[in-house]
Amino acid sequence: MRTNNVQRFREALLMSKAELARRAGLSTLTIDRIESGRPCRLDTKRRILMALGMRVADRDRLFGADAADPSDAPRAAALAESA
């Protein structure tokens, strides 16, 4: 499984999983899965980034260098433009 920094950033902000889930419009189970390294959709990553006060351009810092799936490249570009 891939590693990410979601838990580290969340805890640095003194934010609970439930608070991050509420701000991102996701379930706490989804946050738990992502923090344990399970893959997620690009839109879910965007929601988490925004909920943590980060920009889409910061995705590599939060999700690692392989954050963008090559098959999502057109969507990633569209999301970056809309941010």
PDB file of N, CA and C in Angstrom:
ATOM      1  N   MET A   1       0.833  -1.183   0.000  1.00  0.00           N
ATOM      2  CA  MET A   1       0.000   0.000   0.000  1.00  0.00           C
ATOM      3  C   MET A   1       0.880   1.249   0.000  1.00  0.00           C
ATOM      4  N   ARG A   2       0.369   2.287  -0.599  1.00  0.00           N
ATOM      5  CA  ARG A   2       1.087   3.548  -0.650  1.00  0.00           C
ATOM      6  C   ARG A   2       1.005   4.255   0.697  1.00  0.00           C
ATOM      7  N   THR A   3       2.036   5.018   0.997  1.00  0.00           N
ATOM      8  CA  THR A   3       2.000   5.818   2.216  1.00  0.00           C
ATOM      9  C   THR A   3       1.634   7.248   1.849  1.00  0.00           C
ATOM     10  N   ASN A   4       1.047   7.941   2.785  1.00  0.00           N
ATOM     11  CA  ASN A   4       0.708   9.345   2.578  1.00  0.00           C
ATOM     12  C   ASN A   4       0.865  10.084   3.904  1.00  0.00           C
ATOM     13  N   ASN A   5       0.676  11.378   3.853  1.00  0.00           N
ATOM     14  CA  ASN A   5       0.862  12.224   5.026  1.00  0.00           C
ATOM     15  C   ASN A   5      -0.445  12.802   5.552  1.00  0.00           C
ATOM     16  N   VAL A   6      -1.558  12.216   5.183  1.00  0.00           N
ATOM     17  CA  VAL A   6      -2.851  12.771   5.590  1.00  0.00           C
ATOM     18  C   VAL A   6      -2.957  12.815   7.110  1.00  0.00           C
ATOM     19  N   GLN A   7      -2.640  11.729   7.767  1.00  0.00           N
ATOM     20  CA  GLN A   7      -2.744  11.695   9.229  1.00  0.00           C
ATOM     21  C   GLN A   7      -1.792  12.710   9.861  1.00  0.00           C
ATOM     22  N   ARG A   8      -0.579  12.794   9.365  1.00  0.00           N
ATOM     23  CA  ARG A   8       0.403  13.728   9.912  1.00  0.00           C
ATOM     24  C   ARG A   8      -0.086  15.169   9.799  1.00  0.00           C
ATOM     25  N   PHE A   9      -0.587  15.570   8.625  1.00  0.00           N
ATOM     26  CA  PHE A   9      -1.082  16.929   8.436  1.00  0.00           C
ATOM     27  C   PHE A   9      -2.325  17.182   9.283  1.00  0.00           C
ATOM     28  N   ARG A  10      -3.218  16.203   9.333  1.00  0.00           N
ATOM     29  CA  ARG A  10      -4.448  16.345  10.121  1.00  0.00           C
ATOM     30  C   ARG A  10      -4.114  16.550  11.593  1.00  0.00           C
ATOM     31  N   GLU A  11      -3.225  15.734  12.123  1.00  0.00           N
ATOM     32  CA  GLU A  11      -2.854  15.843  13.536  1.00  0.00           C
ATOM     33  C   GLU A  11      -2.093  17.130  13.825  1.00  0.00           C
ATOM     34  N   ALA A  12      -1.297  17.617  12.881  1.00  0.00           N
ATOM     35  CA  ALA A  12      -0.588  18.890  13.060  1.00  0.00           C
ATOM     36  C   ALA A  12      -1.569  20.048  13.205  1.00  0.00           C
ATOM     37  N   LEU A  13      -2.741  19.901  12.588  1.00  0.00           N
ATOM     38  CA  LEU A  13      -3.792  20.915  12.704  1.00  0.00           C
ATOM     39  C   LEU A  13      -4.707  20.659  13.899  1.00  0.00           C
ATOM     40  N   LEU A  14      -4.368  19.637  14.708  1.00  0.00           N
ATOM     41  CA  LEU A  14      -5.180  19.240  15.870  1.00  0.00           C
ATOM     42  C   LEU A  14      -6.622  18.955  15.459  1.00  0.00           C
ATOM     43  N   MET A  15      -6.767  18.253  14.345  1.00  0.00           N
ATOM     44  CA  MET A  15      -8.077  17.946  13.791  1.00  0.00           C
ATOM     45  C   MET A  15      -8.353  16.450  13.935  1.00  0.00           C
ATOM     46  N   SER A  16      -9.544  16.114  14.351  1.00  0.00           N
ATOM     47  CA  SER A  16      -9.923  14.709  14.467  1.00  0.00           C
ATOM     48  C   SER A  16     -10.301  14.159  13.085  1.00  0.00           C
ATOM     49  N   LYS A  17     -10.359  12.851  12.991  1.00  0.00           N
ATOM     50  CA  LYS A  17     -10.818  12.225  11.744  1.00  0.00           C
ATOM     51  C   LYS A  17     -12.241  12.664  11.429  1.00  0.00           C
ATOM     52  N   ALA A  18     -13.057  12.749  12.466  1.00  0.00           N
ATOM     53  CA  ALA A  18     -14.455  13.139  12.263  1.00  0.00           C
ATOM     54  C   ALA A  18     -14.559  14.563  11.727  1.00  0.00           C
ATOM     55  N   GLU A  19     -13.711  15.463  12.228  1.00  0.00           N
ATOM     56  CA  GLU A  19     -13.734  16.851  11.756  1.00  0.00           C
ATOM     57  C   GLU A  19     -13.264  16.933  10.310  1.00  0.00           C
ATOM     58  N   LEU A  20     -12.207  16.218   9.978  1.00  0.00           N
ATOM     59  CA  LEU A  20     -11.737  16.212   8.590  1.00  0.00           C
ATOM     60  C   LEU A  20     -12.808  15.635   7.672  1.00  0.00           C
ATOM     61  N   ALA A  21     -13.430  14.560   8.105  1.00  0.00           N
ATOM     62  CA  ALA A  21     -14.492  13.950   7.303  1.00  0.00           C
ATOM     63  C   ALA A  21     -15.643  14.933   7.084  1.00  0.00           C
ATOM     64  N   ARG A  22     -16.034  15.642   8.131  1.00  0.00           N
ATOM     65  CA  ARG A  22     -17.125  16.609   8.016  1.00  0.00           C
ATOM     66  C   ARG A  22     -16.756  17.735   7.054  1.00  0.00           C
ATOM     67  N   ARG A  23     -15.563  18.287   7.204  1.00  0.00           N
ATOM     68  CA  ARG A  23     -15.127  19.389   6.342  1.00  0.00           C
ATOM     69  C   ARG A  23     -14.989  18.966   4.881  1.00  0.00           C
ATOM     70  N   ALA A  24     -14.584  17.715   4.675  1.00  0.00           N
ATOM     71  CA  ALA A  24     -14.373  17.219   3.308  1.00  0.00           C
ATOM     72  C   ALA A  24     -15.643  16.631   2.698  1.00  0.00           C
ATOM     73  N   GLY A  25     -16.677  16.426   3.507  1.00  0.00           N
ATOM     74  CA  GLY A  25     -17.899  15.818   3.000  1.00  0.00           C
ATOM     75  C   GLY A  25     -17.723  14.336   2.736  1.00  0.00           C
ATOM     76  N   LEU A  26     -16.912  13.681   3.565  1.00  0.00           N
ATOM     77  CA  LEU A  26     -16.624  12.258   3.418  1.00  0.00           C
ATOM     78  C   LEU A  26     -16.977  11.540   4.711  1.00  0.00           C
ATOM     79  N   SER A  27     -16.932  10.227   4.693  1.00  0.00           N
ATOM     80  CA  SER A  27     -17.181   9.467   5.911  1.00  0.00           C
ATOM     81  C   SER A  27     -15.876   9.291   6.681  1.00  0.00           C
ATOM     82  N   THR A  28     -15.996   9.058   7.980  1.00  0.00           N
ATOM     83  CA  THR A  28     -14.799   8.796   8.780  1.00  0.00           C
ATOM     84  C   THR A  28     -14.136   7.495   8.339  1.00  0.00           C
ATOM     85  N   LEU A  29     -14.920   6.555   7.865  1.00  0.00           N
ATOM     86  CA  LEU A  29     -14.362   5.308   7.350  1.00  0.00           C
ATOM     87  C   LEU A  29     -13.465   5.578   6.137  1.00  0.00           C
ATOM     88  N   THR A  30     -13.882   6.489   5.268  1.00  0.00           N
ATOM     89  CA  THR A  30     -13.074   6.849   4.106  1.00  0.00           C
ATOM     90  C   THR A  30     -11.763   7.478   4.553  1.00  0.00           C
ATOM     91  N   ILE A  31     -11.822   8.380   5.521  1.00  0.00           N
ATOM     92  CA  ILE A  31     -10.601   9.018   6.040  1.00  0.00           C
ATOM     93  C   ILE A  31      -9.682   7.950   6.626  1.00  0.00           C
ATOM     94  N   ASP A  32     -10.236   7.027   7.384  1.00  0.00           N
ATOM     95  CA  ASP A  32      -9.447   5.950   7.982  1.00  0.00           C
ATOM     96  C   ASP A  32      -8.760   5.118   6.904  1.00  0.00           C
ATOM     97  N   ARG A  33      -9.475   4.782   5.857  1.00  0.00           N
ATOM     98  CA  ARG A  33      -8.905   3.989   4.770  1.00  0.00           C
ATOM     99  C   ARG A  33      -7.768   4.732   4.069  1.00  0.00           C
ATOM    100  N   ILE A  34      -7.976   6.013   3.822  1.00  0.00           N
ATOM    101  CA  ILE A  34      -6.960   6.808   3.131  1.00  0.00           C
ATOM    102  C   ILE A  34      -5.712   6.947   4.000  1.00  0.00           C
ATOM    103  N   GLU A  35      -5.914   7.198   5.289  1.00  0.00           N
ATOM    104  CA  GLU A  35      -4.768   7.318   6.186  1.00  0.00           C
ATOM    105  C   GLU A  35      -3.986   6.012   6.303  1.00  0.00           C
ATOM    106  N   SER A  36      -4.640   4.903   6.082  1.00  0.00           N
ATOM    107  CA  SER A  36      -3.938   3.616   6.140  1.00  0.00           C
ATOM    108  C   SER A  36      -3.263   3.271   4.810  1.00  0.00           C
ATOM    109  N   GLY A  37      -3.386   4.155   3.818  1.00  0.00           N
ATOM    110  CA  GLY A  37      -2.678   3.974   2.558  1.00  0.00           C
ATOM    111  C   GLY A  37      -3.486   3.389   1.426  1.00  0.00           C
ATOM    112  N   ARG A  38      -4.775   3.192   1.627  1.00  0.00           N
ATOM    113  CA  ARG A  38      -5.607   2.655   0.549  1.00  0.00           C
ATOM    114  C   ARG A  38      -5.789   3.720  -0.530  1.00  0.00           C
ATOM    115  N   PRO A  39      -5.935   3.319  -1.785  1.00  0.00           N
ATOM    116  CA  PRO A  39      -6.124   4.293  -2.866  1.00  0.00           C
ATOM    117  C   PRO A  39      -7.507   4.945  -2.801  1.00  0.00           C
ATOM    118  N   CYS A  40      -7.602   6.119  -3.412  1.00  0.00           N
ATOM    119  CA  CYS A  40      -8.894   6.801  -3.471  1.00  0.00           C
ATOM    120  C   CYS A  40      -8.985   7.579  -4.777  1.00  0.00           C
ATOM    121  N   ARG A  41     -10.187   8.051  -5.055  1.00  0.00           N
ATOM    122  CA  ARG A  41     -10.416   8.804  -6.280  1.00  0.00           C
ATOM    123  C   ARG A  41      -9.781  10.187  -6.196  1.00  0.00           C
ATOM    124  N   LEU A  42      -9.538  10.766  -7.351  1.00  0.00           N
ATOM    125  CA  LEU A  42      -8.939  12.091  -7.443  1.00  0.00           C
ATOM    126  C   LEU A  42      -9.819  13.139  -6.759  1.00  0.00           C
ATOM    127  N   ASP A  43     -11.122  13.045  -6.913  1.00  0.00           N
ATOM    128  CA  ASP A  43     -12.023  13.998  -6.278  1.00  0.00           C
ATOM    129  C   ASP A  43     -11.941  13.912  -4.754  1.00  0.00           C
ATOM    130  N   THR A  44     -11.760  12.716  -4.222  1.00  0.00           N
ATOM    131  CA  THR A  44     -11.617  12.535  -2.780  1.00  0.00           C
ATOM    132  C   THR A  44     -10.338  13.203  -2.302  1.00  0.00           C
ATOM    133  N   LYS A  45      -9.265  13.063  -3.062  1.00  0.00           N
ATOM    134  CA  LYS A  45      -8.008  13.724  -2.710  1.00  0.00           C
ATOM    135  C   LYS A  45      -8.195  15.240  -2.705  1.00  0.00           C
ATOM    136  N   ARG A  46      -8.889  15.752  -3.710  1.00  0.00           N
ATOM    137  CA  ARG A  46      -9.133  17.196  -3.786  1.00  0.00           C
ATOM    138  C   ARG A  46      -9.918  17.671  -2.575  1.00  0.00           C
ATOM    139  N   ARG A  47     -10.940  16.928  -2.185  1.00  0.00           N
ATOM    140  CA  ARG A  47     -11.759  17.305  -1.026  1.00  0.00           C
ATOM    141  C   ARG A  47     -10.925  17.345   0.256  1.00  0.00           C
ATOM    142  N   ILE A  48     -10.040  16.365   0.412  1.00  0.00           N
ATOM    143  CA  ILE A  48      -9.192  16.327   1.601  1.00  0.00           C
ATOM    144  C   ILE A  48      -8.212  17.495   1.593  1.00  0.00           C
ATOM    145  N   LEU A  49      -7.616  17.758   0.452  1.00  0.00           N
ATOM    146  CA  LEU A  49      -6.702  18.896   0.345  1.00  0.00           C
ATOM    147  C   LEU A  49      -7.393  20.193   0.752  1.00  0.00           C
ATOM    148  N   MET A  50      -8.577  20.435   0.217  1.00  0.00           N
ATOM    149  CA  MET A  50      -9.310  21.663   0.525  1.00  0.00           C
ATOM    150  C   MET A  50      -9.690  21.721   2.009  1.00  0.00           C
ATOM    151  N   ALA A  51     -10.095  20.593   2.565  1.00  0.00           N
ATOM    152  CA  ALA A  51     -10.498  20.549   3.971  1.00  0.00           C
ATOM    153  C   ALA A  51      -9.316  20.825   4.904  1.00  0.00           C
ATOM    154  N   LEU A  52      -8.116  20.507   4.455  1.00  0.00           N
ATOM    155  CA  LEU A  52      -6.917  20.768   5.251  1.00  0.00           C
ATOM    156  C   LEU A  52      -6.322  22.142   4.963  1.00  0.00           C
ATOM    157  N   GLY A  53      -6.999  22.916   4.119  1.00  0.00           N
ATOM    158  CA  GLY A  53      -6.531  24.264   3.796  1.00  0.00           C
ATOM    159  C   GLY A  53      -5.366  24.272   2.819  1.00  0.00           C
ATOM    160  N   MET A  54      -5.263  23.234   2.020  1.00  0.00           N
ATOM    161  CA  MET A  54      -4.180  23.130   1.051  1.00  0.00           C
ATOM    162  C   MET A  54      -4.721  23.323  -0.356  1.00  0.00           C
ATOM    163  N   ARG A  55      -3.797  23.482  -1.313  1.00  0.00           N
ATOM    164  CA  ARG A  55      -4.188  23.642  -2.707  1.00  0.00           C
ATOM    165  C   ARG A  55      -3.971  22.327  -3.447  1.00  0.00           C
ATOM    166  N   VAL A  56      -4.601  22.206  -4.605  1.00  0.00           N
ATOM    167  CA  VAL A  56      -4.441  21.005  -5.427  1.00  0.00           C
ATOM    168  C   VAL A  56      -2.964  20.812  -5.782  1.00  0.00           C
ATOM    169  N   ALA A  57      -2.248  21.904  -5.965  1.00  0.00           N
ATOM    170  CA  ALA A  57      -0.823  21.829  -6.294  1.00  0.00           C
ATOM    171  C   ALA A  57      -0.006  21.191  -5.173  1.00  0.00           C
ATOM    172  N   ASP A  58      -0.550  21.127  -3.960  1.00  0.00           N
ATOM    173  CA  ASP A  58       0.148  20.535  -2.812  1.00  0.00           C
ATOM    174  C   ASP A  58      -0.075  19.034  -2.701  1.00  0.00           C
ATOM    175  N   ARG A  59      -0.715  18.421  -3.666  1.00  0.00           N
ATOM    176  CA  ARG A  59      -1.092  17.006  -3.551  1.00  0.00           C
ATOM    177  C   ARG A  59       0.099  16.081  -3.344  1.00  0.00           C
ATOM    178  N   ASP A  60       1.244  16.412  -3.951  1.00  0.00           N
ATOM    179  CA  ASP A  60       2.415  15.554  -3.765  1.00  0.00           C
ATOM    180  C   ASP A  60       2.910  15.581  -2.320  1.00  0.00           C
ATOM    181  N   ARG A  61       2.813  16.728  -1.664  1.00  0.00           N
ATOM    182  CA  ARG A  61       3.214  16.828  -0.254  1.00  0.00           C
ATOM    183  C   ARG A  61       2.326  15.971   0.628  1.00  0.00           C
ATOM    184  N   LEU A  62       1.058  15.892   0.296  1.00  0.00           N
ATOM    185  CA  LEU A  62       0.100  15.174   1.129  1.00  0.00           C
ATOM    186  C   LEU A  62      -0.010  13.696   0.759  1.00  0.00           C
ATOM    187  N   PHE A  63      -0.075  13.404  -0.518  1.00  0.00           N
ATOM    188  CA  PHE A  63      -0.331  12.027  -0.968  1.00  0.00           C
ATOM    189  C   PHE A  63       0.888  11.321  -1.545  1.00  0.00           C
ATOM    190  N   GLY A  64       2.012  11.996  -1.655  1.00  0.00           N
ATOM    191  CA  GLY A  64       3.207  11.382  -2.219  1.00  0.00           C
ATOM    192  C   GLY A  64       3.346  11.684  -3.691  1.00  0.00           C
ATOM    193  N   ALA A  65       4.527  11.413  -4.218  1.00  0.00           N
ATOM    194  CA  ALA A  65       4.837  11.753  -5.612  1.00  0.00           C
ATOM    195  C   ALA A  65       3.974  11.004  -6.615  1.00  0.00           C
ATOM    196  N   ASP A  66       3.461   9.833  -6.226  1.00  0.00           N
ATOM    197  CA  ASP A  66       2.621   9.064  -7.147  1.00  0.00           C
ATOM    198  C   ASP A  66       1.146   9.364  -6.929  1.00  0.00           C
ATOM    199  N   ALA A  67       0.852  10.565  -6.411  1.00  0.00           N
ATOM    200  CA  ALA A  67      -0.522  10.930  -6.064  1.00  0.00           C
ATOM    201  C   ALA A  67      -1.457  10.931  -7.259  1.00  0.00           C
ATOM    202  N   ALA A  68      -0.959  11.366  -8.381  1.00  0.00           N
ATOM    203  CA  ALA A  68      -1.817  11.427  -9.563  1.00  0.00           C
ATOM    204  C   ALA A  68      -1.639  10.166 -10.394  1.00  0.00           C
ATOM    205  N   ASP A  69      -2.695   9.439 -10.545  1.00  0.00           N
ATOM    206  CA  ASP A  69      -2.702   8.262 -11.398  1.00  0.00           C
ATOM    207  C   ASP A  69      -2.582   8.751 -12.841  1.00  0.00           C
ATOM    208  N   PRO A  70      -1.684   8.201 -13.654  1.00  0.00           N
ATOM    209  CA  PRO A  70      -1.533   8.665 -15.041  1.00  0.00           C
ATOM    210  C   PRO A  70      -2.839   8.663 -15.821  1.00  0.00           C
ATOM    211  N   SER A  71      -3.748   7.775 -15.486  1.00  0.00           N
ATOM    212  CA  SER A  71      -5.027   7.749 -16.192  1.00  0.00           C
ATOM    213  C   SER A  71      -5.904   8.930 -15.808  1.00  0.00           C
ATOM    214  N   ASP A  72      -5.554   9.619 -14.714  1.00  0.00           N
ATOM    215  CA  ASP A  72      -6.320  10.779 -14.264  1.00  0.00           C
ATOM    216  C   ASP A  72      -5.703  12.099 -14.730  1.00  0.00           C
ATOM    217  N   ALA A  73      -4.674  12.073 -15.568  1.00  0.00           N
ATOM    218  CA  ALA A  73      -3.974  13.287 -15.981  1.00  0.00           C
ATOM    219  C   ALA A  73      -4.911  14.368 -16.534  1.00  0.00           C
ATOM    220  N   PRO A  74      -5.834  14.054 -17.443  1.00  0.00           N
ATOM    221  CA  PRO A  74      -6.732  15.113 -17.926  1.00  0.00           C
ATOM    222  C   PRO A  74      -7.600  15.690 -16.807  1.00  0.00           C
ATOM    223  N   ARG A  75      -8.080  14.844 -15.915  1.00  0.00           N
ATOM    224  CA  ARG A  75      -8.893  15.340 -14.798  1.00  0.00           C
ATOM    225  C   ARG A  75      -8.056  16.159 -13.844  1.00  0.00           C
ATOM    226  N   ALA A  76      -6.804  15.772 -13.611  1.00  0.00           N
ATOM    227  CA  ALA A  76      -5.926  16.502 -12.699  1.00  0.00           C
ATOM    228  C   ALA A  76      -5.684  17.906 -13.239  1.00  0.00           C
ATOM    229  N   ALA A  77      -5.457  18.017 -14.539  1.00  0.00           N
ATOM    230  CA  ALA A  77      -5.247  19.323 -15.145  1.00  0.00           C
ATOM    231  C   ALA A  77      -6.495  20.189 -15.024  1.00  0.00           C
ATOM    232  N   ALA A  78      -7.659  19.613 -15.238  1.00  0.00           N
ATOM    233  CA  ALA A  78      -8.913  20.354 -15.132  1.00  0.00           C
ATOM    234  C   ALA A  78      -9.147  20.828 -13.702  1.00  0.00           C
ATOM    235  N   LEU A  79      -8.861  19.967 -12.721  1.00  0.00           N
ATOM    236  CA  LEU A  79      -9.033  20.361 -11.317  1.00  0.00           C
ATOM    237  C   LEU A  79      -8.058  21.454 -10.929  1.00  0.00           C
ATOM    238  N   ALA A  80      -6.831  21.389 -11.412  1.00  0.00           N
ATOM    239  CA  ALA A  80      -5.833  22.403 -11.090  1.00  0.00           C
ATOM    240  C   ALA A  80      -6.256  23.752 -11.653  1.00  0.00           C
ATOM    241  N   GLU A  81      -6.832  23.751 -12.843  1.00  0.00           N
ATOM    242  CA  GLU A  81      -7.279  24.997 -13.461  1.00  0.00           C
ATOM    243  C   GLU A  81      -8.451  25.599 -12.704  1.00  0.00           C
ATOM    244  N   SER A  82      -9.313  24.763 -12.151  1.00  0.00           N
ATOM    245  CA  SER A  82     -10.506  25.274 -11.457  1.00  0.00           C
ATOM    246  C   SER A  82     -10.212  25.698 -10.036  1.00  0.00           C
ATOM    247  N   ALA A  83      -9.047  25.338  -9.506  1.00  0.00           N
ATOM    248  CA  ALA A  83      -8.706  25.669  -8.115  1.00  0.00           C
ATOM    249  C   ALA A  83      -8.210  27.086  -7.972  1.00  0.00           C
TER     250      ALA A  83
END
